[in-house]
Amino acid sequence: MPPLPRSDRSVLGRWWWTVDRWMLAALIILIGFGIVLIQAATPAVAVEHGWSNFYFVKRQLALLVPSLGLIFGISLLPPSKIKLFAAAMLALFLPLLVATPFIGVEIKGAVRWIHVPGFSIQPSEFVKPAFVVVSAWLFTRRCERRGEPALSVNIALYLLIATFLLMQPDIGMTFLVSVIWFGQFFLAGLPLALVGASVLCGIGSLFIAYHTFPHFTTRMNKFLSHTGDTYQVDRALAAFANGGLFGRGPGEGTVKMTIPDAHADFIFAVAGEELGMLWCLFIIGLFAFIVMRGLMHIRKENSLFVTLAASGLLIEFGLQAIINLSSTMRLMPAKGMTLPFISYGGSSLVAMSISMGMLLALTRKRFGREEE
């Protein structure tokens, strides 16, 4: 028997019968894997700092409740309210992104965090989904010719965000935002000549970054020649080898004790050793399932704004997962980017919850006035 009858016209009832419940279930399962893996990966780090074994998982659980509330609350909104929510979010966090290089705290050679009493915040994580939706809105206005300055404003926003990401510096986040923005531009009708020009600009930008940012140069050289300090990646690969097909069991891994960022950037290595290849493939399948479900909804969509915004959010979610997984398995240079809903991190968890709440809202079935 379904939990709510189709005749239920309450807010909860309408939400239940219009939201993609399969996508929601996959997200909840991902979050569950995240909690298990964070607890498995963090005791050694916690003990090293004199904290309890459950210090990190308690902090993640404390943010999980409001994060789930954000997913549910935002998924109730119609597309018109999603636009306003994203615009307000961008207005709040864009000034913080601009201020980060000047007032942020340097960690491992990069200034990406702003510390306030009691917690830290990474503004770029929140700017990313907000810009995705606002950019889709501006592209839509440009295509509908309701606002000629829309394209100029969109380009200016992109350049502003990319500039201050590079000032941190954060090459990976700049690359991710750029791929999302150009992907939306292409879907909105970017001429083929500009598509080719964009590809050449992207290649040229990587060349310039290689000769401009020392840390990027070092990572590329390590990846291409496999020389120098490749300790983290080597230990991650050792974790996958130790795990084999079925894994050593939750909490039984040993390689995590020697990987500095086992609970964050390299948490998939913990999954490889403790859960094994089969469960790792299941986790990858969950990411692929969410992206494919989103694409299925987009194929049936009549609204250009919903198509562009949902596409951007799916690129953000899927590409960020690909970057993290590829870095862990040495398929690309190491990059400090979290695995959505799996890695430890408050800013990442809350920001990705906002992203998925907006995606669920945009992919809900809409009828009559809700189409607007």
Protein backbone atom coordinates (compact mmCIF):
# COMPACT_ATOMS: atom_id res chain seq x y z
CA MET A 1 0.00 0.00 0.00
CA PRO A 2 1.49 3.42 -0.93
CA PRO A 3 2.32 5.72 2.00
CA LEU A 4 0.12 8.48 0.58
CA PRO A 5 -2.96 8.03 -1.65
CA ARG A 6 -3.03 9.73 -5.04
CA SER A 7 -6.10 11.65 -3.90
CA ASP A 8 -4.09 13.40 -1.16
CA ARG A 9 -3.92 17.08 -2.25
CA SER A 10 -1.76 18.27 0.65
CA VAL A 11 1.67 19.76 -0.02
CA LEU A 12 3.32 16.51 1.07
CA GLY A 13 0.91 14.41 -0.98
CA ARG A 14 1.46 16.42 -4.18
CA TRP A 15 5.22 16.32 -3.61
CA TRP A 16 5.26 12.54 -3.12
CA TRP A 17 3.42 11.82 -6.37
CA THR A 18 5.36 14.32 -8.51
CA VAL A 19 8.95 13.98 -7.29
CA ASP A 20 11.31 11.38 -8.79
CA ARG A 21 11.28 8.90 -5.92
CA TRP A 22 13.89 6.66 -7.55
CA MET A 23 16.35 9.54 -7.77
CA LEU A 24 15.57 10.49 -4.18
CA ALA A 25 16.14 6.90 -3.02
CA ALA A 26 19.52 6.77 -4.81
CA LEU A 27 20.57 10.01 -3.09
CA ILE A 28 19.60 8.64 0.32
CA ILE A 29 21.60 5.45 -0.32
CA LEU A 30 24.63 7.54 -1.35
CA ILE A 31 24.34 9.53 1.88
CA GLY A 32 24.19 6.26 3.81
CA PHE A 33 27.40 5.03 2.18
CA GLY A 34 28.98 8.38 3.03
CA ILE A 35 28.24 8.06 6.74
CA VAL A 36 29.59 4.50 6.86
CA LEU A 37 32.79 5.41 5.00
CA ILE A 38 33.42 8.61 7.00
CA GLN A 39 33.20 6.62 10.21
CA ALA A 40 35.52 3.98 8.77
CA ALA A 41 38.09 6.53 7.56
CA THR A 42 38.28 9.04 10.42
CA PRO A 43 39.17 7.34 13.76
CA ALA A 44 42.92 7.53 13.11
CA VAL A 45 42.71 11.24 12.20
CA ALA A 46 40.51 11.96 15.22
CA VAL A 47 42.83 10.16 17.67
CA GLU A 48 45.82 11.99 16.21
CA HIS A 49 44.16 15.30 17.19
CA GLY A 50 43.03 14.02 20.59
CA TRP A 51 39.34 13.73 19.64
CA SER A 52 36.95 10.82 20.05
CA ASN A 53 36.63 8.13 17.38
CA PHE A 54 33.21 9.50 16.43
CA TYR A 55 34.21 13.17 16.21
CA PHE A 56 33.99 13.50 12.42
CA VAL A 57 30.92 11.37 11.90
CA LYS A 58 29.06 13.29 14.63
CA ARG A 59 29.86 16.57 12.88
CA GLN A 60 28.70 15.16 9.56
CA LEU A 61 25.48 13.83 11.10
CA ALA A 62 24.84 17.20 12.73
CA LEU A 63 24.79 18.78 9.26
CA LEU A 64 22.96 15.86 7.65
CA VAL A 65 19.61 16.68 9.27
CA PRO A 66 19.44 20.27 7.95
CA SER A 67 20.85 19.05 4.62
CA LEU A 68 18.01 16.55 4.21
CA GLY A 69 15.64 19.36 5.19
CA LEU A 70 17.11 21.51 2.42
CA ILE A 71 16.68 18.74 -0.16
CA PHE A 72 13.03 18.30 0.82
CA GLY A 73 12.21 22.00 1.25
CA ILE A 74 13.82 23.15 -1.99
CA SER A 75 12.31 20.26 -3.96
CA LEU A 76 8.86 21.66 -3.07
CA LEU A 77 9.52 24.87 -5.01
CA PRO A 78 8.23 25.53 -8.55
CA PRO A 79 10.75 26.58 -11.24
CA SER A 80 9.89 30.27 -10.85
CA LYS A 81 10.84 30.13 -7.16
CA ILE A 82 14.00 28.16 -7.94
CA LYS A 83 15.16 31.13 -10.04
CA LEU A 84 14.63 33.54 -7.16
CA PHE A 85 16.21 31.18 -4.62
CA ALA A 86 19.34 30.77 -6.78
CA ALA A 87 19.58 34.53 -7.41
CA ALA A 88 19.37 35.25 -3.66
CA MET A 89 21.96 32.55 -2.96
CA LEU A 90 24.34 34.00 -5.56
CA ALA A 91 23.86 37.50 -4.14
CA LEU A 92 24.82 36.16 -0.69
CA PHE A 93 27.84 34.00 -1.56
CA LEU A 94 29.39 35.80 -4.54
CA PRO A 95 30.69 38.67 -2.33
CA LEU A 96 32.17 36.03 0.00
CA LEU A 97 33.90 34.38 -2.97
CA VAL A 98 35.35 37.75 -3.98
CA ALA A 99 36.54 38.33 -0.42
CA THR A 100 38.06 34.86 0.05
CA PRO A 101 41.53 35.58 -1.45
CA PHE A 102 41.86 38.56 0.91
CA ILE A 103 40.34 37.35 4.20
CA GLY A 104 40.45 33.55 3.77
CA VAL A 105 42.79 31.11 5.48
CA GLU A 106 45.58 29.43 3.53
CA ILE A 107 45.51 25.64 3.63
CA LYS A 108 48.02 23.60 1.62
CA GLY A 109 48.97 26.59 -0.52
CA ALA A 110 45.41 27.64 -1.42
CA VAL A 111 43.03 30.20 0.11
CA ARG A 112 39.55 28.72 -0.30
CA TRP A 113 38.05 28.85 3.18
CA ILE A 114 36.67 31.62 5.35
CA HIS A 115 36.84 30.88 9.06
CA VAL A 116 34.16 32.20 11.36
CA PRO A 117 33.70 31.28 15.04
CA GLY A 118 32.68 27.65 15.28
CA PHE A 119 32.98 26.60 11.64
CA SER A 120 34.55 27.23 8.24
CA ILE A 121 32.83 27.87 4.92
CA GLN A 122 33.97 27.40 1.34
CA PRO A 123 32.00 30.04 -0.65
CA SER A 124 32.83 28.51 -4.05
CA GLU A 125 30.80 25.40 -3.18
CA PHE A 126 27.67 27.54 -2.79
CA VAL A 127 28.37 29.88 -5.70
CA LYS A 128 28.60 26.89 -8.05
CA PRO A 129 24.95 25.64 -7.96
CA ALA A 130 23.58 29.17 -7.65
CA PHE A 131 25.48 30.28 -10.76
CA VAL A 132 24.28 27.18 -12.66
CA VAL A 133 20.63 28.17 -12.22
CA VAL A 134 21.14 31.92 -12.67
CA SER A 135 23.16 31.27 -15.81
CA ALA A 136 20.37 29.07 -17.19
CA TRP A 137 17.90 31.87 -16.45
CA LEU A 138 20.04 34.43 -18.29
CA PHE A 139 20.55 32.13 -21.28
CA THR A 140 16.79 31.62 -21.42
CA ARG A 141 16.13 35.35 -21.42
CA ARG A 142 18.67 35.80 -24.19
CA CYS A 143 17.08 33.05 -26.33
CA GLU A 144 13.59 34.47 -25.78
CA ARG A 145 14.92 37.97 -26.63
CA ARG A 146 13.29 39.37 -23.51
CA GLY A 147 16.54 40.86 -22.28
CA GLU A 148 19.30 41.79 -24.70
CA PRO A 149 21.82 42.55 -21.90
CA ALA A 150 21.26 39.05 -20.50
CA LEU A 151 24.15 37.47 -22.42
CA SER A 152 26.56 40.28 -21.45
CA VAL A 153 25.59 39.91 -17.78
CA ASN A 154 26.02 36.13 -18.03
CA ILE A 155 29.50 36.41 -19.55
CA ALA A 156 30.51 39.02 -16.97
CA LEU A 157 29.34 36.77 -14.11
CA TYR A 158 31.27 33.80 -15.50
CA LEU A 159 34.48 35.82 -15.92
CA LEU A 160 34.12 37.30 -12.41
CA ILE A 161 33.66 33.88 -10.81
CA ALA A 162 36.47 32.28 -12.84
CA THR A 163 38.85 35.12 -11.99
CA PHE A 164 38.37 34.84 -8.23
CA LEU A 165 38.53 31.04 -8.33
CA LEU A 166 41.90 31.31 -10.06
CA MET A 167 43.05 33.82 -7.44
CA GLN A 168 42.58 31.22 -4.67
CA PRO A 169 43.90 29.29 -6.77
CA ASP A 170 41.41 26.51 -7.54
CA ILE A 171 42.03 25.16 -11.05
CA GLY A 172 39.69 22.20 -10.59
CA MET A 173 36.70 24.28 -9.55
CA THR A 174 37.39 26.75 -12.37
CA PHE A 175 37.44 23.85 -14.83
CA LEU A 176 34.18 22.45 -13.44
CA VAL A 177 32.36 25.80 -13.57
CA SER A 178 33.67 26.41 -17.09
CA VAL A 179 32.49 23.04 -18.41
CA ILE A 180 29.04 23.61 -16.90
CA TRP A 181 28.75 27.13 -18.32
CA PHE A 182 29.94 26.23 -21.82
CA GLY A 183 27.70 23.14 -21.75
CA GLN A 184 24.69 25.34 -21.04
CA PHE A 185 25.85 27.82 -23.69
CA PHE A 186 26.00 24.99 -26.23
CA LEU A 187 22.50 23.74 -25.31
CA ALA A 188 21.19 27.29 -25.56
CA GLY A 189 22.31 27.50 -29.20
CA LEU A 190 25.98 28.44 -29.24
CA PRO A 191 27.09 28.63 -32.91
CA LEU A 192 29.41 25.82 -34.03
CA ALA A 193 32.16 28.33 -34.81
CA LEU A 194 32.07 29.49 -31.20
CA VAL A 195 32.02 25.87 -30.01
CA GLY A 196 35.34 25.30 -31.77
CA ALA A 197 36.71 28.59 -30.46
CA SER A 198 35.65 27.60 -26.92
CA VAL A 199 37.45 24.27 -27.18
CA LEU A 200 40.63 26.00 -28.36
CA CYS A 201 40.32 28.54 -25.55
CA GLY A 202 39.97 25.71 -23.05
CA ILE A 203 43.11 24.00 -24.32
CA GLY A 204 44.94 27.32 -24.32
CA SER A 205 43.81 28.02 -20.76
CA LEU A 206 45.22 24.69 -19.57
CA PHE A 207 48.53 25.54 -21.26
CA ILE A 208 48.61 28.96 -19.58
CA ALA A 209 47.68 27.44 -16.20
CA TYR A 210 50.51 24.92 -16.56
CA HIS A 211 53.03 27.75 -16.96
CA THR A 212 51.41 30.11 -14.43
CA PHE A 213 50.42 28.07 -11.37
CA PRO A 214 53.33 26.10 -9.82
CA HIS A 215 51.12 23.65 -7.93
CA PHE A 216 49.24 22.80 -11.15
CA THR A 217 52.56 22.31 -12.96
CA THR A 218 53.77 19.98 -10.22
CA ARG A 219 50.61 17.88 -10.27
CA MET A 220 50.65 17.56 -14.05
CA ASN A 221 54.32 16.55 -14.05
CA LYS A 222 53.69 13.94 -11.35
CA PHE A 223 50.77 12.52 -13.32
CA LEU A 224 52.52 12.44 -16.69
CA SER A 225 55.85 11.08 -15.50
CA HIS A 226 54.77 9.33 -12.29
CA THR A 227 57.81 10.75 -10.55
CA GLY A 228 58.22 12.84 -7.42
CA ASP A 229 55.84 12.71 -4.49
CA THR A 230 53.00 10.40 -5.62
CA TYR A 231 52.52 8.95 -2.14
CA GLN A 232 48.76 9.53 -1.79
CA VAL A 233 47.84 8.08 -5.17
CA ASP A 234 50.18 5.10 -4.66
CA ARG A 235 48.58 4.34 -1.29
CA ALA A 236 45.11 4.68 -2.82
CA LEU A 237 45.97 2.14 -5.50
CA ALA A 238 47.36 -0.15 -2.79
CA ALA A 239 44.03 0.12 -0.97
CA PHE A 240 42.14 -1.07 -4.07
CA ALA A 241 44.59 -3.97 -4.45
CA ASN A 242 44.12 -4.99 -0.80
CA GLY A 243 40.33 -4.84 -1.08
CA GLY A 244 40.01 -7.16 -4.03
CA LEU A 245 36.55 -8.23 -5.11
CA PHE A 246 34.72 -8.37 -1.78
CA GLY A 247 36.77 -6.08 0.50
CA ARG A 248 38.23 -6.63 3.94
CA GLY A 249 35.10 -5.47 5.75
CA PRO A 250 33.99 -2.09 7.20
CA GLY A 251 36.61 -0.74 9.58
CA GLU A 252 39.15 -3.46 8.71
CA GLY A 253 41.23 -1.44 6.23
CA THR A 254 44.78 -0.43 7.09
CA VAL A 255 45.93 1.71 4.15
CA LYS A 256 43.60 4.54 5.28
CA MET A 257 45.93 5.03 8.26
CA THR A 258 48.62 6.28 5.88
CA ILE A 259 46.56 8.46 3.49
CA PRO A 260 46.38 12.06 4.80
CA ASP A 261 43.02 12.87 3.15
CA ALA A 262 41.40 9.44 3.41
CA HIS A 263 38.16 10.90 4.78
CA ALA A 264 37.90 13.65 2.14
CA ASP A 265 39.48 13.58 -1.32
CA PHE A 266 40.53 9.92 -1.16
CA ILE A 267 37.55 8.36 0.58
CA PHE A 268 36.84 6.15 -2.43
CA ALA A 269 40.13 4.37 -1.69
CA VAL A 270 38.70 3.49 1.74
CA ALA A 271 35.66 2.04 -0.02
CA GLY A 272 37.95 0.06 -2.32
CA GLU A 273 39.82 -1.59 0.53
CA GLU A 274 36.98 -2.16 2.97
CA LEU A 275 34.00 -2.79 0.67
CA GLY A 276 35.73 -4.23 -2.39
CA MET A 277 35.29 -3.78 -6.12
CA LEU A 278 31.67 -4.97 -6.26
CA TRP A 279 30.41 -2.34 -3.80
CA CYS A 280 32.59 0.31 -5.45
CA LEU A 281 30.92 -0.48 -8.77
CA PHE A 282 27.55 -0.19 -7.01
CA ILE A 283 28.48 3.29 -5.71
CA ILE A 284 29.58 4.36 -9.21
CA GLY A 285 26.31 2.92 -10.51
CA LEU A 286 24.36 5.14 -8.09
CA PHE A 287 26.02 8.25 -9.49
CA ALA A 288 25.35 7.08 -13.06
CA PHE A 289 21.73 6.21 -12.19
CA ILE A 290 21.03 9.71 -10.81
CA VAL A 291 22.52 11.35 -13.91
CA MET A 292 20.59 9.05 -16.27
CA ARG A 293 17.30 9.64 -14.42
CA GLY A 294 17.87 13.37 -14.73
CA LEU A 295 18.59 13.09 -18.45
CA MET A 296 15.40 11.08 -18.94
CA HIS A 297 13.41 13.94 -17.42
CA ILE A 298 15.19 16.54 -19.56
CA ARG A 299 14.29 14.67 -22.76
CA LYS A 300 10.60 15.19 -22.00
CA GLU A 301 10.98 18.84 -20.90
CA ASN A 302 9.38 21.73 -22.79
CA SER A 303 10.82 24.57 -20.71
CA LEU A 304 14.20 25.85 -21.92
CA PHE A 305 15.05 27.18 -18.47
CA VAL A 306 14.37 23.82 -16.80
CA THR A 307 16.39 22.03 -19.50
CA LEU A 308 19.40 24.31 -19.07
CA ALA A 309 19.28 24.47 -15.28
CA ALA A 310 18.76 20.74 -14.78
CA SER A 311 21.49 19.96 -17.36
CA GLY A 312 23.93 22.23 -15.51
CA LEU A 313 23.15 20.64 -12.15
CA LEU A 314 23.60 17.16 -13.63
CA ILE A 315 26.95 18.15 -15.16
CA GLU A 316 28.02 19.55 -11.79
CA PHE A 317 27.03 16.37 -9.94
CA GLY A 318 28.34 13.87 -12.48
CA LEU A 319 31.57 15.63 -13.46
CA GLN A 320 32.55 16.30 -9.84
CA ALA A 321 32.13 12.59 -9.10
CA ILE A 322 34.17 11.66 -12.20
CA ILE A 323 36.99 14.03 -11.20
CA ASN A 324 37.19 12.62 -7.67
CA LEU A 325 37.02 8.97 -8.77
CA SER A 326 39.54 9.49 -11.58
CA SER A 327 41.98 11.27 -9.27
CA THR A 328 41.78 8.46 -6.73
CA MET A 329 42.45 5.79 -9.37
CA ARG A 330 45.23 7.81 -11.08
CA LEU A 331 43.25 8.35 -14.28
CA MET A 332 43.90 12.09 -14.04
CA PRO A 333 46.06 14.44 -11.92
CA ALA A 334 45.19 14.55 -8.23
CA LYS A 335 42.62 17.24 -7.45
CA GLY A 336 41.25 18.30 -4.09
CA MET A 337 37.58 17.82 -4.97
CA THR A 338 35.09 15.96 -2.78
CA LEU A 339 33.02 12.96 -3.84
CA PRO A 340 29.39 14.18 -3.60
CA PHE A 341 27.60 12.96 -0.44
CA ILE A 342 30.45 10.52 0.32
CA SER A 343 33.42 12.69 1.34
CA TYR A 344 33.58 14.45 4.69
CA GLY A 345 32.93 18.19 4.49
CA GLY A 346 30.19 20.50 5.68
CA SER A 347 30.27 23.01 2.82
CA SER A 348 30.26 20.23 0.25
CA LEU A 349 27.38 18.37 1.91
CA VAL A 350 25.13 21.41 2.34
CA ALA A 351 25.88 22.88 -1.11
CA MET A 352 25.35 19.55 -2.88
CA SER A 353 22.09 19.09 -0.95
CA ILE A 354 20.94 22.45 -2.29
CA SER A 355 21.94 21.36 -5.82
CA MET A 356 20.00 18.10 -5.59
CA GLY A 357 17.02 19.83 -4.00
CA MET A 358 16.88 22.17 -7.00
CA LEU A 359 17.32 19.24 -9.41
CA LEU A 360 14.45 17.32 -7.77
CA ALA A 361 12.29 20.44 -7.96
CA LEU A 362 13.06 21.01 -11.64
CA THR A 363 12.42 17.37 -12.59
CA ARG A 364 9.10 17.05 -10.76
CA LYS A 365 5.97 16.46 -12.81
CA ARG A 366 4.18 19.78 -13.28
CA PHE A 367 0.62 20.47 -14.31
CA GLY A 368 -1.29 23.60 -15.29
CA ARG A 369 -0.01 26.75 -13.59
CA GLU A 370 2.90 24.81 -12.07
CA GLU A 371 4.46 24.74 -15.58
CA GLU A 372 5.27 28.46 -15.24
